[in-house]
Amino acid sequence: MSDGNFNRQLLPKTELSSGLRAGKAQMRVKAEQAFEQVVNDFILNDNELKEAMKKRFMELLRQ
């Protein structure tokens, strides 16, 4: 008779957590690309400002 303990290896694999991580990674890449495109469209010549904005955006994404 079971005492309520179980072997986790016998449980079916769940793809939910790996799917969530994959989705987050895809959305992060899309956000980075969209941000870079917007910055390039609106700021034409100031590369230093672009880099500073990208650095700050990346910091905010990590939070």
N, C-alpha and C. Protein backbone atom coordinates (compact mmCIF):
# COMPACT_ATOMS: atom_id res chain seq x y z
N MET A 1 0.84 -1.18 0.00
CA MET A 1 0.00 0.00 0.00
C MET A 1 0.89 1.25 0.00
N SER A 2 0.50 2.22 -0.73
CA SER A 2 1.31 3.43 -0.88
C SER A 2 1.19 4.30 0.36
N ASP A 3 2.30 4.91 0.71
CA ASP A 3 2.31 5.82 1.86
C ASP A 3 2.23 7.28 1.41
N GLY A 4 1.95 7.51 0.15
CA GLY A 4 1.82 8.87 -0.37
C GLY A 4 3.09 9.36 -1.05
N ASN A 5 4.19 8.68 -0.88
CA ASN A 5 5.43 9.05 -1.56
C ASN A 5 5.40 8.47 -2.98
N PHE A 6 6.09 9.12 -3.87
CA PHE A 6 6.13 8.64 -5.24
C PHE A 6 7.48 8.95 -5.85
N ASN A 7 7.81 8.24 -6.84
CA ASN A 7 9.05 8.45 -7.57
C ASN A 7 8.77 9.45 -8.68
N ARG A 8 9.45 10.57 -8.66
CA ARG A 8 9.21 11.60 -9.67
C ARG A 8 9.56 11.13 -11.07
N GLN A 9 10.40 10.14 -11.17
CA GLN A 9 10.78 9.62 -12.48
C GLN A 9 9.61 8.91 -13.15
N LEU A 10 8.63 8.46 -12.38
CA LEU A 10 7.50 7.75 -12.94
C LEU A 10 6.41 8.69 -13.46
N LEU A 11 6.51 9.97 -13.10
CA LEU A 11 5.51 10.93 -13.53
C LEU A 11 5.75 11.29 -15.00
N PRO A 12 4.68 11.63 -15.72
CA PRO A 12 4.86 12.04 -17.11
C PRO A 12 5.62 13.36 -17.20
N LYS A 13 6.37 13.51 -18.26
CA LYS A 13 7.12 14.75 -18.48
C LYS A 13 6.13 15.88 -18.73
N THR A 14 6.41 17.03 -18.15
CA THR A 14 5.59 18.20 -18.41
C THR A 14 6.40 19.19 -19.23
N GLU A 15 5.86 19.61 -20.31
CA GLU A 15 6.55 20.55 -21.20
C GLU A 15 6.16 21.98 -20.89
N LEU A 16 5.34 22.17 -19.86
CA LEU A 16 4.85 23.51 -19.55
C LEU A 16 5.98 24.46 -19.17
N SER A 17 6.84 24.05 -18.24
CA SER A 17 7.88 24.98 -17.79
C SER A 17 8.89 25.27 -18.90
N SER A 18 9.25 24.27 -19.68
CA SER A 18 10.20 24.53 -20.76
C SER A 18 9.54 25.37 -21.86
N GLY A 19 8.25 25.17 -22.08
CA GLY A 19 7.52 25.99 -23.05
C GLY A 19 7.44 27.44 -22.61
N LEU A 20 7.23 27.66 -21.33
CA LEU A 20 7.19 29.03 -20.82
C LEU A 20 8.54 29.72 -20.98
N ARG A 21 9.61 29.00 -20.67
CA ARG A 21 10.95 29.59 -20.84
C ARG A 21 11.23 29.91 -22.30
N ALA A 22 10.83 29.03 -23.19
CA ALA A 22 11.05 29.26 -24.62
C ALA A 22 10.25 30.47 -25.08
N GLY A 23 9.01 30.59 -24.62
CA GLY A 23 8.18 31.74 -24.99
C GLY A 23 8.75 33.04 -24.48
N LYS A 24 9.25 33.03 -23.24
CA LYS A 24 9.87 34.24 -22.69
C LYS A 24 11.11 34.63 -23.49
N ALA A 25 11.90 33.65 -23.87
CA ALA A 25 13.10 33.93 -24.64
C ALA A 25 12.74 34.53 -26.00
N GLN A 26 11.72 33.99 -26.64
CA GLN A 26 11.30 34.53 -27.94
C GLN A 26 10.79 35.95 -27.80
N MET A 27 10.01 36.23 -26.77
CA MET A 27 9.48 37.58 -26.58
C MET A 27 10.59 38.56 -26.23
N ARG A 28 11.59 38.09 -25.50
CA ARG A 28 12.73 38.96 -25.18
C ARG A 28 13.47 39.36 -26.45
N VAL A 29 13.69 38.41 -27.33
CA VAL A 29 14.38 38.69 -28.59
C VAL A 29 13.56 39.66 -29.43
N LYS A 30 12.25 39.45 -29.48
CA LYS A 30 11.39 40.37 -30.25
C LYS A 30 11.43 41.77 -29.66
N ALA A 31 11.42 41.86 -28.33
CA ALA A 31 11.46 43.17 -27.67
C ALA A 31 12.78 43.88 -27.97
N GLU A 32 13.88 43.14 -27.90
CA GLU A 32 15.19 43.73 -28.21
C GLU A 32 15.24 44.24 -29.64
N GLN A 33 14.74 43.44 -30.57
CA GLN A 33 14.75 43.85 -31.98
C GLN A 33 13.86 45.06 -32.22
N ALA A 34 12.68 45.06 -31.61
CA ALA A 34 11.77 46.19 -31.79
C ALA A 34 12.37 47.46 -31.21
N PHE A 35 12.96 47.36 -30.03
CA PHE A 35 13.58 48.53 -29.41
C PHE A 35 14.70 49.08 -30.28
N GLU A 36 15.54 48.18 -30.76
CA GLU A 36 16.66 48.62 -31.60
C GLU A 36 16.16 49.31 -32.88
N GLN A 37 15.10 48.78 -33.46
CA GLN A 37 14.53 49.39 -34.67
C GLN A 37 13.98 50.79 -34.39
N VAL A 38 13.28 50.93 -33.27
CA VAL A 38 12.72 52.24 -32.91
C VAL A 38 13.84 53.24 -32.66
N VAL A 39 14.86 52.82 -31.94
CA VAL A 39 15.98 53.72 -31.65
C VAL A 39 16.66 54.14 -32.96
N ASN A 40 16.87 53.19 -33.85
CA ASN A 40 17.52 53.52 -35.12
C ASN A 40 16.66 54.43 -35.99
N ASP A 41 15.34 54.30 -35.88
CA ASP A 41 14.44 55.16 -36.66
C ASP A 41 14.43 56.60 -36.16
N PHE A 42 14.51 56.79 -34.85
CA PHE A 42 14.34 58.12 -34.29
C PHE A 42 15.64 58.83 -33.95
N ILE A 43 16.70 58.08 -33.72
CA ILE A 43 17.99 58.70 -33.40
C ILE A 43 18.95 58.33 -34.51
N LEU A 44 19.28 59.31 -35.33
CA LEU A 44 20.03 59.01 -36.53
C LEU A 44 21.54 58.96 -36.33
N ASN A 45 22.12 59.93 -35.64
CA ASN A 45 23.58 60.06 -35.65
C ASN A 45 24.26 59.83 -34.31
N ASP A 46 23.54 59.78 -33.22
CA ASP A 46 24.15 59.75 -31.89
C ASP A 46 24.29 58.30 -31.40
N ASN A 47 25.40 57.66 -31.79
CA ASN A 47 25.63 56.26 -31.41
C ASN A 47 25.81 56.09 -29.92
N GLU A 48 26.39 57.08 -29.25
CA GLU A 48 26.59 57.01 -27.80
C GLU A 48 25.23 56.97 -27.09
N LEU A 49 24.31 57.79 -27.53
CA LEU A 49 22.96 57.80 -26.95
C LEU A 49 22.25 56.48 -27.21
N LYS A 50 22.40 55.94 -28.42
CA LYS A 50 21.79 54.65 -28.75
C LYS A 50 22.29 53.56 -27.82
N GLU A 51 23.60 53.52 -27.59
CA GLU A 51 24.18 52.49 -26.72
C GLU A 51 23.71 52.65 -25.28
N ALA A 52 23.62 53.88 -24.82
CA ALA A 52 23.16 54.13 -23.45
C ALA A 52 21.70 53.70 -23.29
N MET A 53 20.89 54.00 -24.29
CA MET A 53 19.48 53.61 -24.23
C MET A 53 19.34 52.08 -24.27
N LYS A 54 20.11 51.44 -25.12
CA LYS A 54 20.05 49.97 -25.22
C LYS A 54 20.50 49.33 -23.91
N LYS A 55 21.56 49.87 -23.31
CA LYS A 55 22.05 49.34 -22.04
C LYS A 55 20.97 49.45 -20.96
N ARG A 56 20.31 50.59 -20.89
CA ARG A 56 19.26 50.80 -19.88
C ARG A 56 18.07 49.88 -20.15
N PHE A 57 17.70 49.73 -21.41
CA PHE A 57 16.59 48.84 -21.78
C PHE A 57 16.89 47.40 -21.36
N MET A 58 18.11 46.95 -21.60
CA MET A 58 18.50 45.60 -21.23
C MET A 58 18.46 45.41 -19.71
N GLU A 59 18.88 46.44 -18.98
CA GLU A 59 18.81 46.37 -17.52
C GLU A 59 17.37 46.21 -17.05
N LEU A 60 16.46 46.95 -17.67
CA LEU A 60 15.05 46.87 -17.29
C LEU A 60 14.44 45.51 -17.64
N LEU A 61 14.88 44.91 -18.74
CA LEU A 61 14.38 43.59 -19.10
C LEU A 61 14.81 42.53 -18.10
N ARG A 62 15.96 42.69 -17.50
CA ARG A 62 16.47 41.69 -16.56
C ARG A 62 15.73 41.71 -15.23
N GLN A 63 15.03 42.79 -14.94
CA GLN A 63 14.33 42.89 -13.64
C GLN A 63 13.13 42.00 -13.58
